[in-house]
Amino acid sequence: MTHRALAVDEILREVIAYVIDIHPPTAVSLACCAKFFEEPTLSALWKIQDELRILIKTLPPDSWRLQPITASTALATIVRDLP
């Protein structure tokens, strides 16, 4: 059972935004712990992505490669055709 306050969409989204601001990995855990949190949390997390590398890493591991450019930067390359 979920607290009634979380049934108000604006409150739910504020709670999720707060969790993302404080510690994004906790927001991922929140999305995985209950179906109720999944869609709004994942939606909020995708909005803050600032690079495609994270999306590319969701592909099969043998389909991409990371090539270091600097100590903190890498180039993500797709290395085979995808079905």
PDB file of N, CA and C in Angstrom:
ATOM      1  N   MET A   1       0.837  -1.172   0.000  1.00  0.00           N
ATOM      2  CA  MET A   1       0.000   0.000   0.000  1.00  0.00           C
ATOM      3  C   MET A   1       0.890   1.245   0.000  1.00  0.00           C
ATOM      4  N   THR A   2       0.501   2.208  -0.770  1.00  0.00           N
ATOM      5  CA  THR A   2       1.268   3.440  -0.918  1.00  0.00           C
ATOM      6  C   THR A   2       0.586   4.560  -0.148  1.00  0.00           C
ATOM      7  N   HIS A   3       1.384   5.462   0.365  1.00  0.00           N
ATOM      8  CA  HIS A   3       0.828   6.608   1.080  1.00  0.00           C
ATOM      9  C   HIS A   3      -0.064   7.412   0.138  1.00  0.00           C
ATOM     10  N   ARG A   4      -1.177   7.895   0.647  1.00  0.00           N
ATOM     11  CA  ARG A   4      -2.152   8.622  -0.181  1.00  0.00           C
ATOM     12  C   ARG A   4      -1.556   9.862  -0.838  1.00  0.00           C
ATOM     13  N   ALA A   5      -0.577  10.482  -0.212  1.00  0.00           N
ATOM     14  CA  ALA A   5       0.030  11.689  -0.789  1.00  0.00           C
ATOM     15  C   ALA A   5       0.696  11.375  -2.126  1.00  0.00           C
ATOM     16  N   LEU A   6       1.216  10.152  -2.260  1.00  0.00           N
ATOM     17  CA  LEU A   6       1.890   9.785  -3.508  1.00  0.00           C
ATOM     18  C   LEU A   6       0.906   9.533  -4.647  1.00  0.00           C
ATOM     19  N   ALA A   7      -0.372   9.481  -4.338  1.00  0.00           N
ATOM     20  CA  ALA A   7      -1.385   9.354  -5.387  1.00  0.00           C
ATOM     21  C   ALA A   7      -1.577  10.674  -6.125  1.00  0.00           C
ATOM     22  N   VAL A   8      -1.079  11.765  -5.542  1.00  0.00           N
ATOM     23  CA  VAL A   8      -1.122  13.076  -6.196  1.00  0.00           C
ATOM     24  C   VAL A   8       0.112  13.163  -7.088  1.00  0.00           C
ATOM     25  N   ASP A   9      -0.116  13.240  -8.391  1.00  0.00           N
ATOM     26  CA  ASP A   9       0.973  13.183  -9.362  1.00  0.00           C
ATOM     27  C   ASP A   9       2.065  14.213  -9.096  1.00  0.00           C
ATOM     28  N   GLU A  10       1.695  15.434  -8.767  1.00  0.00           N
ATOM     29  CA  GLU A  10       2.680  16.492  -8.527  1.00  0.00           C
ATOM     30  C   GLU A  10       3.578  16.164  -7.336  1.00  0.00           C
ATOM     31  N   ILE A  11       3.003  15.591  -6.299  1.00  0.00           N
ATOM     32  CA  ILE A  11       3.789  15.218  -5.116  1.00  0.00           C
ATOM     33  C   ILE A  11       4.729  14.073  -5.459  1.00  0.00           C
ATOM     34  N   LEU A  12       4.206  13.081  -6.158  1.00  0.00           N
ATOM     35  CA  LEU A  12       5.039  11.943  -6.557  1.00  0.00           C
ATOM     36  C   LEU A  12       6.232  12.427  -7.377  1.00  0.00           C
ATOM     37  N   ARG A  13       5.996  13.293  -8.340  1.00  0.00           N
ATOM     38  CA  ARG A  13       7.089  13.787  -9.195  1.00  0.00           C
ATOM     39  C   ARG A  13       8.092  14.640  -8.410  1.00  0.00           C
ATOM     40  N   GLU A  14       7.631  15.387  -7.429  1.00  0.00           N
ATOM     41  CA  GLU A  14       8.545  16.162  -6.579  1.00  0.00           C
ATOM     42  C   GLU A  14       9.428  15.236  -5.740  1.00  0.00           C
ATOM     43  N   VAL A  15       8.849  14.172  -5.201  1.00  0.00           N
ATOM     44  CA  VAL A  15       9.626  13.198  -4.425  1.00  0.00           C
ATOM     45  C   VAL A  15      10.684  12.559  -5.317  1.00  0.00           C
ATOM     46  N   ILE A  16      10.289  12.165  -6.506  1.00  0.00           N
ATOM     47  CA  ILE A  16      11.233  11.536  -7.437  1.00  0.00           C
ATOM     48  C   ILE A  16      12.340  12.517  -7.819  1.00  0.00           C
ATOM     49  N   ALA A  17      11.989  13.761  -8.119  1.00  0.00           N
ATOM     50  CA  ALA A  17      12.991  14.769  -8.477  1.00  0.00           C
ATOM     51  C   ALA A  17      13.975  14.982  -7.329  1.00  0.00           C
ATOM     52  N   TYR A  18      13.473  14.988  -6.110  1.00  0.00           N
ATOM     53  CA  TYR A  18      14.338  15.151  -4.944  1.00  0.00           C
ATOM     54  C   TYR A  18      15.328  13.987  -4.836  1.00  0.00           C
ATOM     55  N   VAL A  19      14.831  12.780  -4.994  1.00  0.00           N
ATOM     56  CA  VAL A  19      15.702  11.604  -4.916  1.00  0.00           C
ATOM     57  C   VAL A  19      16.760  11.656  -6.021  1.00  0.00           C
ATOM     58  N   ILE A  20      16.376  12.032  -7.224  1.00  0.00           N
ATOM     59  CA  ILE A  20      17.325  12.123  -8.334  1.00  0.00           C
ATOM     60  C   ILE A  20      18.391  13.185  -8.037  1.00  0.00           C
ATOM     61  N   ASP A  21      17.996  14.319  -7.498  1.00  0.00           N
ATOM     62  CA  ASP A  21      18.957  15.379  -7.169  1.00  0.00           C
ATOM     63  C   ASP A  21      19.955  14.939  -6.114  1.00  0.00           C
ATOM     64  N   ILE A  22      19.488  14.218  -5.127  1.00  0.00           N
ATOM     65  CA  ILE A  22      20.354  13.800  -4.020  1.00  0.00           C
ATOM     66  C   ILE A  22      21.274  12.645  -4.429  1.00  0.00           C
ATOM     67  N   HIS A  23      20.711  11.608  -5.068  1.00  0.00           N
ATOM     68  CA  HIS A  23      21.506  10.404  -5.385  1.00  0.00           C
ATOM     69  C   HIS A  23      20.822   9.617  -6.501  1.00  0.00           C
ATOM     70  N   PRO A  24      21.173   9.870  -7.772  1.00  0.00           N
ATOM     71  CA  PRO A  24      20.498   9.193  -8.892  1.00  0.00           C
ATOM     72  C   PRO A  24      20.459   7.659  -8.798  1.00  0.00           C
ATOM     73  N   PRO A  25      21.519   6.981  -8.311  1.00  0.00           N
ATOM     74  CA  PRO A  25      21.405   5.521  -8.197  1.00  0.00           C
ATOM     75  C   PRO A  25      20.267   5.073  -7.286  1.00  0.00           C
ATOM     76  N   THR A  26      19.943   5.859  -6.290  1.00  0.00           N
ATOM     77  CA  THR A  26      18.810   5.531  -5.423  1.00  0.00           C
ATOM     78  C   THR A  26      17.504   5.624  -6.204  1.00  0.00           C
ATOM     79  N   ALA A  27      17.438   6.568  -7.142  1.00  0.00           N
ATOM     80  CA  ALA A  27      16.240   6.682  -7.983  1.00  0.00           C
ATOM     81  C   ALA A  27      16.078   5.435  -8.844  1.00  0.00           C
ATOM     82  N   VAL A  28      17.177   4.880  -9.323  1.00  0.00           N
ATOM     83  CA  VAL A  28      17.111   3.635 -10.098  1.00  0.00           C
ATOM     84  C   VAL A  28      16.548   2.521  -9.218  1.00  0.00           C
ATOM     85  N   SER A  29      17.023   2.442  -7.992  1.00  0.00           N
ATOM     86  CA  SER A  29      16.497   1.445  -7.055  1.00  0.00           C
ATOM     87  C   SER A  29      15.017   1.667  -6.792  1.00  0.00           C
ATOM     88  N   LEU A  30      14.616   2.917  -6.689  1.00  0.00           N
ATOM     89  CA  LEU A  30      13.207   3.244  -6.489  1.00  0.00           C
ATOM     90  C   LEU A  30      12.361   2.734  -7.653  1.00  0.00           C
ATOM     91  N   ALA A  31      12.854   2.924  -8.868  1.00  0.00           N
ATOM     92  CA  ALA A  31      12.115   2.461 -10.050  1.00  0.00           C
ATOM     93  C   ALA A  31      11.992   0.943 -10.076  1.00  0.00           C
ATOM     94  N   CYS A  32      12.984   0.267  -9.524  1.00  0.00           N
ATOM     95  CA  CYS A  32      12.985  -1.202  -9.550  1.00  0.00           C
ATOM     96  C   CYS A  32      12.213  -1.829  -8.387  1.00  0.00           C
ATOM     97  N   CYS A  33      11.948  -1.057  -7.345  1.00  0.00           N
ATOM     98  CA  CYS A  33      11.370  -1.671  -6.139  1.00  0.00           C
ATOM     99  C   CYS A  33       9.855  -1.810  -6.186  1.00  0.00           C
ATOM    100  N   ALA A  34       9.181  -0.973  -6.956  1.00  0.00           N
ATOM    101  CA  ALA A  34       7.719  -1.049  -6.989  1.00  0.00           C
ATOM    102  C   ALA A  34       7.210  -0.570  -8.340  1.00  0.00           C
ATOM    103  N   LYS A  35       6.269  -1.297  -8.899  1.00  0.00           N
ATOM    104  CA  LYS A  35       5.687  -0.935 -10.188  1.00  0.00           C
ATOM    105  C   LYS A  35       5.123   0.487 -10.164  1.00  0.00           C
ATOM    106  N   PHE A  36       4.615   0.895  -9.020  1.00  0.00           N
ATOM    107  CA  PHE A  36       4.035   2.218  -8.849  1.00  0.00           C
ATOM    108  C   PHE A  36       5.045   3.325  -9.186  1.00  0.00           C
ATOM    109  N   PHE A  37       6.324   3.123  -8.823  1.00  0.00           N
ATOM    110  CA  PHE A  37       7.364   4.125  -9.041  1.00  0.00           C
ATOM    111  C   PHE A  37       8.059   3.997 -10.391  1.00  0.00           C
ATOM    112  N   GLU A  38       7.907   2.867 -11.035  1.00  0.00           N
ATOM    113  CA  GLU A  38       8.709   2.567 -12.228  1.00  0.00           C
ATOM    114  C   GLU A  38       8.589   3.626 -13.334  1.00  0.00           C
ATOM    115  N   GLU A  39       7.413   3.834 -13.873  1.00  0.00           N
ATOM    116  CA  GLU A  39       7.255   4.723 -15.030  1.00  0.00           C
ATOM    117  C   GLU A  39       7.654   6.160 -14.733  1.00  0.00           C
ATOM    118  N   PRO A  40       7.141   6.778 -13.665  1.00  0.00           N
ATOM    119  CA  PRO A  40       7.517   8.175 -13.443  1.00  0.00           C
ATOM    120  C   PRO A  40       9.003   8.362 -13.124  1.00  0.00           C
ATOM    121  N   THR A  41       9.599   7.398 -12.425  1.00  0.00           N
ATOM    122  CA  THR A  41      11.019   7.520 -12.089  1.00  0.00           C
ATOM    123  C   THR A  41      11.893   7.337 -13.317  1.00  0.00           C
ATOM    124  N   LEU A  42      11.621   6.299 -14.118  1.00  0.00           N
ATOM    125  CA  LEU A  42      12.423   6.089 -15.331  1.00  0.00           C
ATOM    126  C   LEU A  42      12.254   7.248 -16.307  1.00  0.00           C
ATOM    127  N   SER A  43      11.058   7.769 -16.399  1.00  0.00           N
ATOM    128  CA  SER A  43      10.816   8.919 -17.268  1.00  0.00           C
ATOM    129  C   SER A  43      11.657  10.114 -16.825  1.00  0.00           C
ATOM    130  N   ALA A  44      11.690  10.366 -15.535  1.00  0.00           N
ATOM    131  CA  ALA A  44      12.490  11.482 -15.010  1.00  0.00           C
ATOM    132  C   ALA A  44      13.979  11.239 -15.211  1.00  0.00           C
ATOM    133  N   LEU A  45      14.426  10.005 -15.031  1.00  0.00           N
ATOM    134  CA  LEU A  45      15.848   9.700 -15.218  1.00  0.00           C
ATOM    135  C   LEU A  45      16.278   9.879 -16.672  1.00  0.00           C
ATOM    136  N   TRP A  46      15.444   9.460 -17.618  1.00  0.00           N
ATOM    137  CA  TRP A  46      15.807   9.619 -19.035  1.00  0.00           C
ATOM    138  C   TRP A  46      15.893  11.083 -19.426  1.00  0.00           C
ATOM    139  N   LYS A  47      15.125  11.940 -18.778  1.00  0.00           N
ATOM    140  CA  LYS A  47      15.160  13.369 -19.106  1.00  0.00           C
ATOM    141  C   LYS A  47      16.481  14.027 -18.734  1.00  0.00           C
ATOM    142  N   ILE A  48      17.218  13.454 -17.788  1.00  0.00           N
ATOM    143  CA  ILE A  48      18.470  14.083 -17.367  1.00  0.00           C
ATOM    144  C   ILE A  48      19.700  13.479 -18.028  1.00  0.00           C
ATOM    145  N   GLN A  49      19.515  12.525 -18.920  1.00  0.00           N
ATOM    146  CA  GLN A  49      20.661  11.934 -19.606  1.00  0.00           C
ATOM    147  C   GLN A  49      21.283  12.970 -20.532  1.00  0.00           C
ATOM    148  N   ASP A  50      22.598  13.111 -20.459  1.00  0.00           N
ATOM    149  CA  ASP A  50      23.263  14.112 -21.278  1.00  0.00           C
ATOM    150  C   ASP A  50      24.203  13.505 -22.317  1.00  0.00           C
ATOM    151  N   GLU A  51      24.122  12.198 -22.477  1.00  0.00           N
ATOM    152  CA  GLU A  51      24.960  11.553 -23.476  1.00  0.00           C
ATOM    153  C   GLU A  51      24.307  10.263 -23.961  1.00  0.00           C
ATOM    154  N   LEU A  52      24.633   9.875 -25.175  1.00  0.00           N
ATOM    155  CA  LEU A  52      24.058   8.660 -25.755  1.00  0.00           C
ATOM    156  C   LEU A  52      24.771   7.390 -25.301  1.00  0.00           C
ATOM    157  N   ARG A  53      25.941   7.534 -24.687  1.00  0.00           N
ATOM    158  CA  ARG A  53      26.705   6.353 -24.276  1.00  0.00           C
ATOM    159  C   ARG A  53      25.876   5.446 -23.374  1.00  0.00           C
ATOM    160  N   ILE A  54      25.083   6.026 -22.493  1.00  0.00           N
ATOM    161  CA  ILE A  54      24.257   5.233 -21.580  1.00  0.00           C
ATOM    162  C   ILE A  54      23.235   4.419 -22.367  1.00  0.00           C
ATOM    163  N   LEU A  55      22.645   5.017 -23.385  1.00  0.00           N
ATOM    164  CA  LEU A  55      21.695   4.297 -24.229  1.00  0.00           C
ATOM    165  C   LEU A  55      22.394   3.189 -25.013  1.00  0.00           C
ATOM    166  N   ILE A  56      23.555   3.482 -25.557  1.00  0.00           N
ATOM    167  CA  ILE A  56      24.305   2.478 -26.313  1.00  0.00           C
ATOM    168  C   ILE A  56      24.660   1.285 -25.430  1.00  0.00           C
ATOM    169  N   LYS A  57      24.961   1.539 -24.154  1.00  0.00           N
ATOM    170  CA  LYS A  57      25.333   0.452 -23.245  1.00  0.00           C
ATOM    171  C   LYS A  57      24.161  -0.455 -22.894  1.00  0.00           C
ATOM    172  N   THR A  58      22.940  -0.100 -23.319  1.00  0.00           N
ATOM    173  CA  THR A  58      21.809  -1.000 -23.119  1.00  0.00           C
ATOM    174  C   THR A  58      21.738  -2.046 -24.233  1.00  0.00           C
ATOM    175  N   LEU A  59      22.522  -1.870 -25.285  1.00  0.00           N
ATOM    176  CA  LEU A  59      22.587  -2.850 -26.379  1.00  0.00           C
ATOM    177  C   LEU A  59      23.392  -4.055 -25.925  1.00  0.00           C
ATOM    178  N   PRO A  60      23.326  -5.168 -26.663  1.00  0.00           N
ATOM    179  CA  PRO A  60      24.124  -6.341 -26.280  1.00  0.00           C
ATOM    180  C   PRO A  60      25.602  -5.972 -26.162  1.00  0.00           C
ATOM    181  N   PRO A  61      26.292  -6.503 -25.154  1.00  0.00           N
ATOM    182  CA  PRO A  61      27.679  -6.116 -24.893  1.00  0.00           C
ATOM    183  C   PRO A  61      28.642  -6.336 -26.066  1.00  0.00           C
ATOM    184  N   ASP A  62      28.358  -7.311 -26.910  1.00  0.00           N
ATOM    185  CA  ASP A  62      29.277  -7.555 -28.032  1.00  0.00           C
ATOM    186  C   ASP A  62      28.997  -6.646 -29.231  1.00  0.00           C
ATOM    187  N   SER A  63      28.055  -5.737 -29.104  1.00  0.00           N
ATOM    188  CA  SER A  63      27.696  -4.876 -30.231  1.00  0.00           C
ATOM    189  C   SER A  63      28.305  -3.476 -30.144  1.00  0.00           C
ATOM    190  N   TRP A  64      28.982  -3.172 -29.041  1.00  0.00           N
ATOM    191  CA  TRP A  64      29.558  -1.838 -28.887  1.00  0.00           C
ATOM    192  C   TRP A  64      30.915  -1.930 -28.189  1.00  0.00           C
ATOM    193  N   ARG A  65      31.679  -0.838 -28.310  1.00  0.00           N
ATOM    194  CA  ARG A  65      32.997  -0.775 -27.680  1.00  0.00           C
ATOM    195  C   ARG A  65      33.218   0.656 -27.196  1.00  0.00           C
ATOM    196  N   LEU A  66      33.829   0.782 -26.031  1.00  0.00           N
ATOM    197  CA  LEU A  66      34.216   2.094 -25.518  1.00  0.00           C
ATOM    198  C   LEU A  66      35.692   2.307 -25.803  1.00  0.00           C
ATOM    199  N   GLN A  67      36.006   3.438 -26.386  1.00  0.00           N
ATOM    200  CA  GLN A  67      37.374   3.779 -26.737  1.00  0.00           C
ATOM    201  C   GLN A  67      37.768   5.017 -25.932  1.00  0.00           C
ATOM    202  N   PRO A  68      38.711   4.868 -24.989  1.00  0.00           N
ATOM    203  CA  PRO A  68      39.100   6.027 -24.173  1.00  0.00           C
ATOM    204  C   PRO A  68      39.677   7.157 -25.031  1.00  0.00           C
ATOM    205  N   ILE A  69      39.258   8.377 -24.723  1.00  0.00           N
ATOM    206  CA  ILE A  69      39.793   9.561 -25.398  1.00  0.00           C
ATOM    207  C   ILE A  69      40.676  10.329 -24.417  1.00  0.00           C
ATOM    208  N   THR A  70      40.157  10.573 -23.239  1.00  0.00           N
ATOM    209  CA  THR A  70      40.925  11.175 -22.144  1.00  0.00           C
ATOM    210  C   THR A  70      40.660  10.336 -20.904  1.00  0.00           C
ATOM    211  N   ALA A  71      41.214  10.765 -19.780  1.00  0.00           N
ATOM    212  CA  ALA A  71      41.020  10.010 -18.531  1.00  0.00           C
ATOM    213  C   ALA A  71      39.553   9.945 -18.120  1.00  0.00           C
ATOM    214  N   SER A  72      38.765  10.942 -18.511  1.00  0.00           N
ATOM    215  CA  SER A  72      37.366  10.967 -18.083  1.00  0.00           C
ATOM    216  C   SER A  72      36.365  10.888 -19.240  1.00  0.00           C
ATOM    217  N   THR A  73      36.843  10.686 -20.456  1.00  0.00           N
ATOM    218  CA  THR A  73      35.969  10.673 -21.629  1.00  0.00           C
ATOM    219  C   THR A  73      36.239   9.440 -22.477  1.00  0.00           C
ATOM    220  N   ALA A  74      35.178   8.863 -23.013  1.00  0.00           N
ATOM    221  CA  ALA A  74      35.324   7.720 -23.907  1.00  0.00           C
ATOM    222  C   ALA A  74      34.347   7.859 -25.069  1.00  0.00           C
ATOM    223  N   LEU A  75      34.729   7.315 -26.184  1.00  0.00           N
ATOM    224  CA  LEU A  75      33.891   7.311 -27.378  1.00  0.00           C
ATOM    225  C   LEU A  75      33.209   5.949 -27.457  1.00  0.00           C
ATOM    226  N   ALA A  76      31.892   5.948 -27.534  1.00  0.00           N
ATOM    227  CA  ALA A  76      31.133   4.700 -27.675  1.00  0.00           C
ATOM    228  C   ALA A  76      30.911   4.453 -29.175  1.00  0.00           C
ATOM    229  N   THR A  77      31.277   3.256 -29.614  1.00  0.00           N
ATOM    230  CA  THR A  77      31.163   2.904 -31.022  1.00  0.00           C
ATOM    231  C   THR A  77      30.373   1.606 -31.150  1.00  0.00           C
ATOM    232  N   ILE A  78      29.426   1.587 -32.070  1.00  0.00           N
ATOM    233  CA  ILE A  78      28.708   0.352 -32.385  1.00  0.00           C
ATOM    234  C   ILE A  78      29.587  -0.420 -33.366  1.00  0.00           C
ATOM    235  N   VAL A  79      29.902  -1.673 -33.047  1.00  0.00           N
ATOM    236  CA  VAL A  79      30.897  -2.422 -33.821  1.00  0.00           C
ATOM    237  C   VAL A  79      30.316  -3.541 -34.683  1.00  0.00           C
ATOM    238  N   ARG A  80      29.019  -3.747 -34.632  1.00  0.00           N
ATOM    239  CA  ARG A  80      28.413  -4.771 -35.499  1.00  0.00           C
ATOM    240  C   ARG A  80      26.983  -4.364 -35.820  1.00  0.00           C
ATOM    241  N   ASP A  81      26.445  -4.975 -36.889  1.00  0.00           N
ATOM    242  CA  ASP A  81      25.058  -4.731 -37.249  1.00  0.00           C
ATOM    243  C   ASP A  81      24.139  -5.266 -36.147  1.00  0.00           C
ATOM    244  N   LEU A  82      23.060  -4.560 -35.932  1.00  0.00           N
ATOM    245  CA  LEU A  82      22.073  -4.985 -34.947  1.00  0.00           C
ATOM    246  C   LEU A  82      20.841  -5.533 -35.674  1.00  0.00           C
ATOM    247  N   PRO A  83      20.235  -6.581 -35.122  1.00  0.00           N
ATOM    248  CA  PRO A  83      19.049  -7.161 -35.792  1.00  0.00           C
ATOM    249  C   PRO A  83      17.877  -6.212 -35.801  1.00  0.00           C
TER     250      PRO A  83
END
